[in-house]
Every structure is written in structure tokens, then in C-alpha cells.
Amino acid sequence: MAIPSKGRLVQPTIKLLEEVGIKLQVYDDRALMIPTNWPDLNIIRVRPEDIPYIVESGAAVMGITGLDYVVESQSGVKIIERLGFGSGKIVIAVPRTSSINGIDDIKDGIRIATKYVNLTTSYFRRNGKDVRIVRISGSAEIMPLLGVADAIVDVMSTGITLRIHGLRPVGVIMETEAVLITNNSGLKGCNDVMEKFLLLLRGVKSSTNKKLILMNVPTESLAKVLSILPAMEGPTVADIANKPFKEVISVVPEDELPGLLVKLRNAGAKDILVMGIEKVIT
């Protein structure tokens, strides 16, 4: 599997692998090929913009990178899962003092500094603009200050970096996030390691922002408790030996939990336990 060696996706990707159950056996920023606790899985650490080409070639069975890099690469890879982190926007940004407020204000010949050459060229062509692309490989934000470009196209997460460099966004080319990719044949004929990884990955995603709650409920209060209790398929209800109680187990959204706990207690639930969920395999 190919994963980013630098940039904003590195730490969330490592965290995701750990949640899936994959542990890197070497912790060294200089290591490019890393064995894992899965005997049949090695990690390749490369630049995120190179990952689509590596996966397309078959050198890696799968890879994690940004959707922006997948589109920019124009490579023959297939997105098999959106991962829900690394969100951002590819934006056009100009100096705060610029008179440009949108695509209609951009005149032919304007210099645009970017590493997203294909994305930028395609976007401006679609909008009938003949701009000059200044290809860069490093930080774009400094280019207007240096007089190298009149505007930039770059990824924006919070907008803080743009503001620090005296820039403001005036247009959005696309939205991006981390994605899991494989070559264009997709999952057909995939090996066991990919099937195992996908099963556990989707289990991790299904458990996000969910909690397991367990409670004892007096028999006479059961109907009321069940009427206010959300669940994925339906709560599990079990007898408690020699007691006029039922044990109720359910999975609930974490953001509903504070108010829900009050309602459950008022409805008669007792001994309520709230537990984290590592994975939900459906």
C-alpha cells in the first residue's frame, strides 16, 4: 500500500491504519518501505502526488492520497472509498488588494502559479480564459509576493495560510478529501489483503461517532425506553435471570448521547453504561 510521506494527510492516514489494526514495524521518517504486523502487507511512503501513478502501474495494490492528486494525475485508477479526512478546496486566490473578485474578473494573460497544472488549465479553458500557468513544485502562497504570479491555485483547508500571506480566495475549482484508490480494474480479482483491509476499514468508518450503550430496564418501563432509543437495526433485549428487568443494548450516534441519557434515565433505565466502539462490521 502506498501512503503519503509528507503533507497534511500523513498523520490522519497513520491514525486510520492503526484503527484498522495495521501497525508499522519501523518508525523512521527516512524509511520508504515499511513492513507491518500484517505479513502480507508492506507500506510504501511516497509523495502524495506520485501515489496515483504508482497504483496505476501496479507497483502498489492500493494507495491513500488526496482526490485532488487523483484528478490532477489523470491516471487510470479507481476510487474505492472516500475516507472522510483531509477535506479541503482547490481555490483560486489573489492578493487582498487585487480587483479580482471572481472568474469573470480574470483577464487573459494573467499569471497563475500552481502545482495543479492539469486542473487549472482545464478549469480556465472551460470558462473561456486564456491564462498563463506558472508551474511550481513548492509553496504557491509566496509567488504573488515575489512578483512571480498574479494569482495562485492551491489547496485550502482553513484559509489561515492564505491570510498570513495576504491572499484571499475568489473561486473554487473542486473539493477534495483523502481517498483509497486501486488500479482501474477495481476490486475484480483482488487479493485477500485488500478484501481484509476493506472489511476492517469500513468497520472503522461505520463506528465513527457512535457509542454502545447498555442498560437495565424494569419490565414495566421497557416499552417507553424502546420508543425513545435509536438503534442501527433495533435494540437487543435480553432477560436478566431471576430479576424483573431486561438488559437493553444499542448503538447510538454520539452527538445524540447527552440528551438521550437524560431521557432514558427519566424513562426508567438504570445502570446505564456507555462504551466506545472500535469497529462495526455489517
C-alpha atoms as a PDB file:
ATOM      1  CA  MET A   1       0.000   0.000   0.000  1.00  0.00           C
ATOM      2  CA  ALA A   2       1.254   3.485  -0.890  1.00  0.00           C
ATOM      3  CA  ILE A   3       0.680   6.260   1.652  1.00  0.00           C
ATOM      4  CA  PRO A   4       1.802   9.917   1.810  1.00  0.00           C
ATOM      5  CA  SER A   5       5.290  10.627   3.123  1.00  0.00           C
ATOM      6  CA  LYS A   6       4.621  14.340   3.647  1.00  0.00           C
ATOM      7  CA  GLY A   7       1.820  16.853   3.927  1.00  0.00           C
ATOM      8  CA  ARG A   8      -1.486  17.178   5.728  1.00  0.00           C
ATOM      9  CA  LEU A   9      -2.616  13.590   5.033  1.00  0.00           C
ATOM     10  CA  VAL A  10       0.292  11.844   6.780  1.00  0.00           C
ATOM     11  CA  GLN A  11      -0.909  11.777  10.405  1.00  0.00           C
ATOM     12  CA  PRO A  12      -4.606  11.058   9.651  1.00  0.00           C
ATOM     13  CA  THR A  13      -3.512   8.204   7.370  1.00  0.00           C
ATOM     14  CA  ILE A  14      -1.287   6.641  10.058  1.00  0.00           C
ATOM     15  CA  LYS A  15      -4.126   7.002  12.565  1.00  0.00           C
ATOM     16  CA  LEU A  16      -6.542   5.273  10.185  1.00  0.00           C
ATOM     17  CA  LEU A  17      -4.144   2.378   9.625  1.00  0.00           C
ATOM     18  CA  GLU A  18      -3.799   1.922  13.378  1.00  0.00           C
ATOM     19  CA  GLU A  19      -7.582   1.927  13.799  1.00  0.00           C
ATOM     20  CA  VAL A  20      -7.861  -0.735  11.100  1.00  0.00           C
ATOM     21  CA  GLY A  21      -5.291  -2.802  13.004  1.00  0.00           C
ATOM     22  CA  ILE A  22      -2.176  -2.170  10.913  1.00  0.00           C
ATOM     23  CA  LYS A  23       0.936  -1.333  12.903  1.00  0.00           C
ATOM     24  CA  LEU A  24       4.096  -0.062  11.226  1.00  0.00           C
ATOM     25  CA  GLN A  25       7.127  -2.058  12.300  1.00  0.00           C
ATOM     26  CA  VAL A  26       9.571   0.807  11.656  1.00  0.00           C
ATOM     27  CA  TYR A  27       9.099   4.365  12.963  1.00  0.00           C
ATOM     28  CA  ASP A  28      11.621   6.394  10.981  1.00  0.00           C
ATOM     29  CA  ASP A  29      10.866   9.298   8.653  1.00  0.00           C
ATOM     30  CA  ARG A  30      13.704   8.123   6.402  1.00  0.00           C
ATOM     31  CA  ALA A  31      12.170   4.675   5.852  1.00  0.00           C
ATOM     32  CA  LEU A  32      10.398   4.424   2.496  1.00  0.00           C
ATOM     33  CA  MET A  33       9.429   0.735   2.580  1.00  0.00           C
ATOM     34  CA  ILE A  34       7.963  -0.341   5.913  1.00  0.00           C
ATOM     35  CA  PRO A  35       6.803  -3.817   6.968  1.00  0.00           C
ATOM     36  CA  THR A  36       3.651  -4.076   9.063  1.00  0.00           C
ATOM     37  CA  ASN A  37       2.187  -6.554  11.543  1.00  0.00           C
ATOM     38  CA  TRP A  38       0.263  -7.992   8.591  1.00  0.00           C
ATOM     39  CA  PRO A  39       2.743 -10.442   6.975  1.00  0.00           C
ATOM     40  CA  ASP A  40       1.244  -9.868   3.537  1.00  0.00           C
ATOM     41  CA  LEU A  41       1.220  -6.052   3.649  1.00  0.00           C
ATOM     42  CA  ASN A  42       4.095  -3.587   3.296  1.00  0.00           C
ATOM     43  CA  ILE A  43       3.738   0.187   3.316  1.00  0.00           C
ATOM     44  CA  ILE A  44       5.411   2.410   0.704  1.00  0.00           C
ATOM     45  CA  ARG A  45       5.896   6.040   1.786  1.00  0.00           C
ATOM     46  CA  VAL A  46       5.988   8.384  -1.209  1.00  0.00           C
ATOM     47  CA  ARG A  47       4.878  11.887  -2.174  1.00  0.00           C
ATOM     48  CA  PRO A  48       1.060  12.048  -2.277  1.00  0.00           C
ATOM     49  CA  GLU A  49       1.090  13.419  -5.825  1.00  0.00           C
ATOM     50  CA  ASP A  50       3.019  10.317  -7.000  1.00  0.00           C
ATOM     51  CA  ILE A  51       0.663   7.769  -5.473  1.00  0.00           C
ATOM     52  CA  PRO A  52      -1.860   7.656  -8.364  1.00  0.00           C
ATOM     53  CA  TYR A  53       0.933   6.775 -10.834  1.00  0.00           C
ATOM     54  CA  ILE A  54       2.383   4.122  -8.507  1.00  0.00           C
ATOM     55  CA  VAL A  55      -1.013   2.472  -8.054  1.00  0.00           C
ATOM     56  CA  GLU A  56      -1.789   2.730 -11.767  1.00  0.00           C
ATOM     57  CA  SER A  57       1.460   0.906 -12.572  1.00  0.00           C
ATOM     58  CA  GLY A  58       0.578  -1.940 -10.210  1.00  0.00           C
ATOM     59  CA  ALA A  59       3.629  -1.309  -8.010  1.00  0.00           C
ATOM     60  CA  ALA A  60       1.153  -0.893  -5.131  1.00  0.00           C
ATOM     61  CA  VAL A  61      -2.149  -2.766  -4.892  1.00  0.00           C
ATOM     62  CA  MET A  62      -3.803   0.250  -3.310  1.00  0.00           C
ATOM     63  CA  GLY A  63      -2.974   3.736  -2.076  1.00  0.00           C
ATOM     64  CA  ILE A  64      -4.239   6.599   0.040  1.00  0.00           C
ATOM     65  CA  THR A  65      -3.934  10.113  -1.346  1.00  0.00           C
ATOM     66  CA  GLY A  66      -5.971  13.237  -1.995  1.00  0.00           C
ATOM     67  CA  LEU A  67      -8.767  13.313  -4.538  1.00  0.00           C
ATOM     68  CA  ASP A  68      -7.121  16.439  -5.965  1.00  0.00           C
ATOM     69  CA  TYR A  69      -3.979  14.469  -6.788  1.00  0.00           C
ATOM     70  CA  VAL A  70      -6.030  11.712  -8.415  1.00  0.00           C
ATOM     71  CA  VAL A  71      -7.818  14.188 -10.689  1.00  0.00           C
ATOM     72  CA  GLU A  72      -4.625  16.135 -11.401  1.00  0.00           C
ATOM     73  CA  SER A  73      -2.716  12.975 -12.357  1.00  0.00           C
ATOM     74  CA  GLN A  74      -5.270  11.931 -14.995  1.00  0.00           C
ATOM     75  CA  SER A  75      -4.147   8.393 -14.195  1.00  0.00           C
ATOM     76  CA  GLY A  76      -6.119   5.213 -14.687  1.00  0.00           C
ATOM     77  CA  VAL A  77      -7.032   4.484 -11.084  1.00  0.00           C
ATOM     78  CA  LYS A  78     -10.324   3.732  -9.390  1.00  0.00           C
ATOM     79  CA  ILE A  79     -11.575   5.388  -6.206  1.00  0.00           C
ATOM     80  CA  ILE A  80     -12.931   2.622  -3.983  1.00  0.00           C
ATOM     81  CA  GLU A  81     -13.519   4.550  -0.756  1.00  0.00           C
ATOM     82  CA  ARG A  82     -13.759   8.155   0.390  1.00  0.00           C
ATOM     83  CA  LEU A  83     -12.058   8.318   3.770  1.00  0.00           C
ATOM     84  CA  GLY A  84     -13.666  11.351   5.407  1.00  0.00           C
ATOM     85  CA  PHE A  85     -10.498  13.234   6.359  1.00  0.00           C
ATOM     86  CA  GLY A  86      -8.133  15.671   4.662  1.00  0.00           C
ATOM     87  CA  SER A  87     -11.028  17.794   3.432  1.00  0.00           C
ATOM     88  CA  GLY A  88     -10.184  20.961   1.548  1.00  0.00           C
ATOM     89  CA  LYS A  89     -10.856  23.018  -1.555  1.00  0.00           C
ATOM     90  CA  ILE A  90      -8.724  23.766  -4.574  1.00  0.00           C
ATOM     91  CA  VAL A  91      -9.147  27.517  -4.859  1.00  0.00           C
ATOM     92  CA  ILE A  92      -8.072  30.462  -6.936  1.00  0.00           C
ATOM     93  CA  ALA A  93      -6.519  33.047  -4.606  1.00  0.00           C
ATOM     94  CA  VAL A  94      -5.343  36.600  -5.257  1.00  0.00           C
ATOM     95  CA  PRO A  95      -3.682  39.328  -3.175  1.00  0.00           C
ATOM     96  CA  ARG A  96      -6.057  41.171  -0.846  1.00  0.00           C
ATOM     97  CA  THR A  97      -5.501  44.364  -2.832  1.00  0.00           C
ATOM     98  CA  SER A  98      -6.430  42.769  -6.170  1.00  0.00           C
ATOM     99  CA  SER A  99      -9.525  43.969  -8.023  1.00  0.00           C
ATOM    100  CA  ILE A 100     -10.354  40.351  -8.919  1.00  0.00           C
ATOM    101  CA  ASN A 101     -13.429  39.047  -7.107  1.00  0.00           C
ATOM    102  CA  GLY A 102     -14.352  36.086  -9.285  1.00  0.00           C
ATOM    103  CA  ILE A 103     -13.728  34.216 -12.520  1.00  0.00           C
ATOM    104  CA  ASP A 104     -15.391  36.940 -14.591  1.00  0.00           C
ATOM    105  CA  ASP A 105     -12.797  39.477 -13.429  1.00  0.00           C
ATOM    106  CA  ILE A 106      -9.844  37.373 -14.581  1.00  0.00           C
ATOM    107  CA  LYS A 107      -8.334  38.701 -17.794  1.00  0.00           C
ATOM    108  CA  ASP A 108      -6.466  36.730 -20.452  1.00  0.00           C
ATOM    109  CA  GLY A 109      -2.731  36.532 -19.867  1.00  0.00           C
ATOM    110  CA  ILE A 110      -2.904  36.580 -16.074  1.00  0.00           C
ATOM    111  CA  ARG A 111      -0.123  34.517 -14.445  1.00  0.00           C
ATOM    112  CA  ILE A 112      -1.336  31.651 -12.244  1.00  0.00           C
ATOM    113  CA  ALA A 113       1.223  29.844 -10.048  1.00  0.00           C
ATOM    114  CA  THR A 114       0.259  26.262  -9.216  1.00  0.00           C
ATOM    115  CA  LYS A 115       1.317  22.641  -8.948  1.00  0.00           C
ATOM    116  CA  TYR A 116      -2.152  21.684 -10.207  1.00  0.00           C
ATOM    117  CA  VAL A 117      -1.349  22.341 -13.849  1.00  0.00           C
ATOM    118  CA  ASN A 118      -3.917  19.991 -15.394  1.00  0.00           C
ATOM    119  CA  LEU A 119      -6.732  21.018 -13.044  1.00  0.00           C
ATOM    120  CA  THR A 120      -6.007  24.711 -13.549  1.00  0.00           C
ATOM    121  CA  THR A 121      -5.662  24.515 -17.321  1.00  0.00           C
ATOM    122  CA  SER A 122      -8.901  22.550 -17.668  1.00  0.00           C
ATOM    123  CA  TYR A 123     -10.826  24.894 -15.364  1.00  0.00           C
ATOM    124  CA  PHE A 124      -9.848  28.090 -17.140  1.00  0.00           C
ATOM    125  CA  ARG A 125     -10.415  26.560 -20.578  1.00  0.00           C
ATOM    126  CA  ARG A 126     -13.944  25.591 -19.551  1.00  0.00           C
ATOM    127  CA  ASN A 127     -14.513  29.187 -18.520  1.00  0.00           C
ATOM    128  CA  GLY A 128     -13.079  30.641 -21.731  1.00  0.00           C
ATOM    129  CA  LYS A 129      -9.997  32.179 -20.110  1.00  0.00           C
ATOM    130  CA  ASP A 130      -6.519  32.131 -21.670  1.00  0.00           C
ATOM    131  CA  VAL A 131      -4.213  32.283 -18.651  1.00  0.00           C
ATOM    132  CA  ARG A 132      -0.503  31.701 -18.293  1.00  0.00           C
ATOM    133  CA  ILE A 133       0.357  28.796 -15.996  1.00  0.00           C
ATOM    134  CA  VAL A 134       3.483  29.156 -13.850  1.00  0.00           C
ATOM    135  CA  ARG A 135       4.406  25.590 -12.881  1.00  0.00           C
ATOM    136  CA  ILE A 136       5.793  25.262  -9.347  1.00  0.00           C
ATOM    137  CA  SER A 137       6.525  22.345  -7.014  1.00  0.00           C
ATOM    138  CA  GLY A 138       6.732  24.162  -3.682  1.00  0.00           C
ATOM    139  CA  SER A 139       4.679  26.718  -1.786  1.00  0.00           C
ATOM    140  CA  ALA A 140       2.404  28.748  -4.029  1.00  0.00           C
ATOM    141  CA  GLU A 141       1.432  31.365  -1.438  1.00  0.00           C
ATOM    142  CA  ILE A 142       4.722  33.269  -1.723  1.00  0.00           C
ATOM    143  CA  MET A 143       4.621  33.649  -5.510  1.00  0.00           C
ATOM    144  CA  PRO A 144       2.441  36.797  -5.709  1.00  0.00           C
ATOM    145  CA  LEU A 145       4.621  38.466  -3.044  1.00  0.00           C
ATOM    146  CA  LEU A 146       7.699  37.710  -5.135  1.00  0.00           C
ATOM    147  CA  GLY A 147       6.068  39.077  -8.276  1.00  0.00           C
ATOM    148  CA  VAL A 148       6.240  35.663  -9.961  1.00  0.00           C
ATOM    149  CA  ALA A 149       2.456  35.375 -10.403  1.00  0.00           C
ATOM    150  CA  ASP A 150      -0.708  37.456 -10.189  1.00  0.00           C
ATOM    151  CA  ALA A 151      -2.743  34.675  -8.569  1.00  0.00           C
ATOM    152  CA  ILE A 152      -2.390  31.091  -7.382  1.00  0.00           C
ATOM    153  CA  VAL A 153      -4.353  27.855  -7.469  1.00  0.00           C
ATOM    154  CA  ASP A 154      -3.758  25.772  -4.350  1.00  0.00           C
ATOM    155  CA  VAL A 155      -5.449  23.663  -1.707  1.00  0.00           C
ATOM    156  CA  MET A 156      -7.178  25.496   1.143  1.00  0.00           C
ATOM    157  CA  SER A 157      -8.230  23.829   4.374  1.00  0.00           C
ATOM    158  CA  THR A 158      -8.898  26.640   6.853  1.00  0.00           C
ATOM    159  CA  GLY A 159      -7.746  29.667   4.857  1.00  0.00           C
ATOM    160  CA  ILE A 160      -5.255  30.702   7.563  1.00  0.00           C
ATOM    161  CA  THR A 161      -2.188  30.197   5.348  1.00  0.00           C
ATOM    162  CA  LEU A 162      -3.722  32.333   2.616  1.00  0.00           C
ATOM    163  CA  ARG A 163      -4.484  35.137   5.057  1.00  0.00           C
ATOM    164  CA  ILE A 164      -0.984  35.041   6.512  1.00  0.00           C
ATOM    165  CA  HIS A 165       0.401  35.650   3.021  1.00  0.00           C
ATOM    166  CA  GLY A 166      -2.060  38.430   2.222  1.00  0.00           C
ATOM    167  CA  LEU A 167      -4.238  36.344  -0.099  1.00  0.00           C
ATOM    168  CA  ARG A 168      -7.973  35.716  -0.378  1.00  0.00           C
ATOM    169  CA  PRO A 169      -9.912  33.044  -2.302  1.00  0.00           C
ATOM    170  CA  VAL A 170     -12.037  34.196  -5.248  1.00  0.00           C
ATOM    171  CA  GLY A 171     -13.148  30.881  -6.721  1.00  0.00           C
ATOM    172  CA  VAL A 172     -13.371  27.142  -6.025  1.00  0.00           C
ATOM    173  CA  ILE A 173     -12.205  24.675  -8.660  1.00  0.00           C
ATOM    174  CA  MET A 174     -13.039  21.487  -6.751  1.00  0.00           C
ATOM    175  CA  GLU A 175     -13.451  19.991  -3.293  1.00  0.00           C
ATOM    176  CA  THR A 176     -11.084  17.288  -2.131  1.00  0.00           C
ATOM    177  CA  GLU A 177     -10.563  14.714   0.619  1.00  0.00           C
ATOM    178  CA  ALA A 178      -8.470  11.608   1.222  1.00  0.00           C
ATOM    179  CA  VAL A 179      -9.449   8.603  -0.882  1.00  0.00           C
ATOM    180  CA  LEU A 180      -8.461   4.954  -1.176  1.00  0.00           C
ATOM    181  CA  ILE A 181      -7.552   4.006  -4.735  1.00  0.00           C
ATOM    182  CA  THR A 182      -6.670   0.889  -6.677  1.00  0.00           C
ATOM    183  CA  ASN A 183      -5.860   0.354 -10.341  1.00  0.00           C
ATOM    184  CA  ASN A 184      -8.611   0.682 -12.899  1.00  0.00           C
ATOM    185  CA  SER A 185      -9.578  -2.992 -12.729  1.00  0.00           C
ATOM    186  CA  GLY A 186     -11.128  -2.144  -9.359  1.00  0.00           C
ATOM    187  CA  LEU A 187     -11.757  -4.980  -6.919  1.00  0.00           C
ATOM    188  CA  LYS A 188     -12.059  -7.698  -9.542  1.00  0.00           C
ATOM    189  CA  GLY A 189      -9.539 -10.383  -8.741  1.00  0.00           C
ATOM    190  CA  CYS A 190      -8.224  -8.503  -5.714  1.00  0.00           C
ATOM    191  CA  ASN A 191      -6.216 -10.475  -3.234  1.00  0.00           C
ATOM    192  CA  ASP A 192      -7.027 -11.382   0.345  1.00  0.00           C
ATOM    193  CA  VAL A 193      -5.170  -8.450   1.873  1.00  0.00           C
ATOM    194  CA  MET A 194      -7.316  -5.909   0.033  1.00  0.00           C
ATOM    195  CA  GLU A 195     -10.535  -7.687   0.971  1.00  0.00           C
ATOM    196  CA  LYS A 196      -9.427  -7.835   4.607  1.00  0.00           C
ATOM    197  CA  PHE A 197      -8.370  -4.182   4.599  1.00  0.00           C
ATOM    198  CA  LEU A 198     -11.650  -3.005   3.071  1.00  0.00           C
ATOM    199  CA  LEU A 199     -13.737  -5.015   5.530  1.00  0.00           C
ATOM    200  CA  LEU A 200     -11.916  -3.531   8.533  1.00  0.00           C
ATOM    201  CA  LEU A 201     -11.741  -0.038   7.029  1.00  0.00           C
ATOM    202  CA  ARG A 202     -15.491   0.068   6.518  1.00  0.00           C
ATOM    203  CA  GLY A 203     -15.937  -1.285  10.028  1.00  0.00           C
ATOM    204  CA  VAL A 204     -13.907   1.629  11.377  1.00  0.00           C
ATOM    205  CA  LYS A 205     -15.883   4.133   9.312  1.00  0.00           C
ATOM    206  CA  SER A 206     -19.189   2.632  10.442  1.00  0.00           C
ATOM    207  CA  SER A 207     -18.176   3.067  14.081  1.00  0.00           C
ATOM    208  CA  THR A 208     -17.248   6.730  13.750  1.00  0.00           C
ATOM    209  CA  ASN A 209     -19.233   8.989  16.104  1.00  0.00           C
ATOM    210  CA  LYS A 210     -21.161   6.051  17.544  1.00  0.00           C
ATOM    211  CA  LYS A 211     -21.341   4.686  21.088  1.00  0.00           C
ATOM    212  CA  LEU A 212     -22.526   1.390  22.553  1.00  0.00           C
ATOM    213  CA  ILE A 213     -24.934   1.777  25.452  1.00  0.00           C
ATOM    214  CA  LEU A 214     -26.062  -0.958  27.827  1.00  0.00           C
ATOM    215  CA  MET A 215     -28.726  -0.569  30.494  1.00  0.00           C
ATOM    216  CA  ASN A 216     -31.018  -2.432  32.827  1.00  0.00           C
ATOM    217  CA  VAL A 217     -34.686  -1.583  32.337  1.00  0.00           C
ATOM    218  CA  PRO A 218     -37.601  -2.552  34.586  1.00  0.00           C
ATOM    219  CA  THR A 219     -40.070  -4.682  32.645  1.00  0.00           C
ATOM    220  CA  GLU A 220     -42.851  -2.135  33.076  1.00  0.00           C
ATOM    221  CA  SER A 221     -40.618   0.627  31.602  1.00  0.00           C
ATOM    222  CA  LEU A 222     -39.364  -1.351  28.584  1.00  0.00           C
ATOM    223  CA  ALA A 223     -41.867  -0.088  26.011  1.00  0.00           C
ATOM    224  CA  LYS A 224     -41.209   3.548  26.941  1.00  0.00           C
ATOM    225  CA  VAL A 225     -37.417   3.121  26.806  1.00  0.00           C
ATOM    226  CA  LEU A 226     -37.539   1.360  23.437  1.00  0.00           C
ATOM    227  CA  SER A 227     -39.747   4.101  21.991  1.00  0.00           C
ATOM    228  CA  ILE A 228     -37.041   6.750  22.514  1.00  0.00           C
ATOM    229  CA  LEU A 229     -33.975   4.616  21.821  1.00  0.00           C
ATOM    230  CA  PRO A 230     -32.399   4.871  18.346  1.00  0.00           C
ATOM    231  CA  ALA A 231     -30.531   1.854  17.016  1.00  0.00           C
ATOM    232  CA  MET A 232     -28.814   0.646  13.843  1.00  0.00           C
ATOM    233  CA  GLU A 233     -31.170  -2.316  13.303  1.00  0.00           C
ATOM    234  CA  GLY A 234     -33.060  -2.391  16.580  1.00  0.00           C
ATOM    235  CA  PRO A 235     -32.046  -2.677  20.236  1.00  0.00           C
ATOM    236  CA  THR A 236     -31.043  -6.027  21.657  1.00  0.00           C
ATOM    237  CA  VAL A 237     -33.253  -7.024  24.595  1.00  0.00           C
ATOM    238  CA  ALA A 238     -32.302  -9.896  26.902  1.00  0.00           C
ATOM    239  CA  ASP A 239     -33.718 -11.361  30.093  1.00  0.00           C
ATOM    240  CA  ILE A 240     -31.900 -10.945  33.393  1.00  0.00           C
ATOM    241  CA  ALA A 241     -32.085 -14.145  35.429  1.00  0.00           C
ATOM    242  CA  ASN A 242     -34.457 -14.006  38.396  1.00  0.00           C
ATOM    243  CA  LYS A 243     -34.937 -10.235  38.077  1.00  0.00           C
ATOM    244  CA  PRO A 244     -37.913  -8.184  36.817  1.00  0.00           C
ATOM    245  CA  PHE A 245     -35.550  -6.370  34.476  1.00  0.00           C
ATOM    246  CA  LYS A 246     -34.462  -6.527  30.862  1.00  0.00           C
ATOM    247  CA  GLU A 247     -30.961  -5.804  29.579  1.00  0.00           C
ATOM    248  CA  VAL A 248     -31.074  -3.442  26.608  1.00  0.00           C
ATOM    249  CA  ILE A 249     -28.109  -2.924  24.274  1.00  0.00           C
ATOM    250  CA  SER A 250     -27.973  -0.441  21.427  1.00  0.00           C
ATOM    251  CA  VAL A 251     -25.637   1.591  19.189  1.00  0.00           C
ATOM    252  CA  VAL A 252     -26.426   5.304  19.092  1.00  0.00           C
ATOM    253  CA  PRO A 253     -24.983   8.456  17.478  1.00  0.00           C
ATOM    254  CA  GLU A 254     -22.541  10.149  19.837  1.00  0.00           C
ATOM    255  CA  ASP A 255     -23.958  13.635  19.283  1.00  0.00           C
ATOM    256  CA  GLU A 256     -27.393  12.464  20.480  1.00  0.00           C
ATOM    257  CA  LEU A 257     -25.987  10.898  23.626  1.00  0.00           C
ATOM    258  CA  PRO A 258     -26.227  13.756  26.197  1.00  0.00           C
ATOM    259  CA  GLY A 259     -29.941  14.374  25.737  1.00  0.00           C
ATOM    260  CA  LEU A 260     -30.674  10.705  25.193  1.00  0.00           C
ATOM    261  CA  LEU A 261     -29.148   9.675  28.524  1.00  0.00           C
ATOM    262  CA  VAL A 262     -31.423  12.073  30.396  1.00  0.00           C
ATOM    263  CA  LYS A 263     -34.482  10.746  28.560  1.00  0.00           C
ATOM    264  CA  LEU A 264     -33.512   7.118  29.187  1.00  0.00           C
ATOM    265  CA  ARG A 265     -32.980   7.686  32.891  1.00  0.00           C
ATOM    266  CA  ASN A 266     -36.294   9.538  33.175  1.00  0.00           C
ATOM    267  CA  ALA A 267     -37.992   6.695  31.320  1.00  0.00           C
ATOM    268  CA  GLY A 268     -36.805   4.200  33.929  1.00  0.00           C
ATOM    269  CA  ALA A 269     -33.458   2.885  32.603  1.00  0.00           C
ATOM    270  CA  LYS A 270     -30.885   2.056  35.284  1.00  0.00           C
ATOM    271  CA  ASP A 271     -27.169   1.186  35.430  1.00  0.00           C
ATOM    272  CA  ILE A 272     -26.512   2.784  32.040  1.00  0.00           C
ATOM    273  CA  LEU A 273     -23.075   2.031  30.584  1.00  0.00           C
ATOM    274  CA  VAL A 274     -21.599   3.990  27.651  1.00  0.00           C
ATOM    275  CA  MET A 275     -18.745   2.352  25.739  1.00  0.00           C
ATOM    276  CA  GLY A 276     -16.606   3.219  22.748  1.00  0.00           C
ATOM    277  CA  ILE A 277     -16.838   1.152  19.573  1.00  0.00           C
ATOM    278  CA  GLU A 278     -13.722   0.121  17.660  1.00  0.00           C
ATOM    279  CA  LYS A 279     -15.386  -1.333  14.557  1.00  0.00           C
ATOM    280  CA  VAL A 280     -18.872  -2.118  13.285  1.00  0.00           C
ATOM    281  CA  ILE A 281     -18.844  -4.962  10.743  1.00  0.00           C
ATOM    282  CA  THR A 282     -22.117  -5.154   8.825  1.00  0.00           C
END
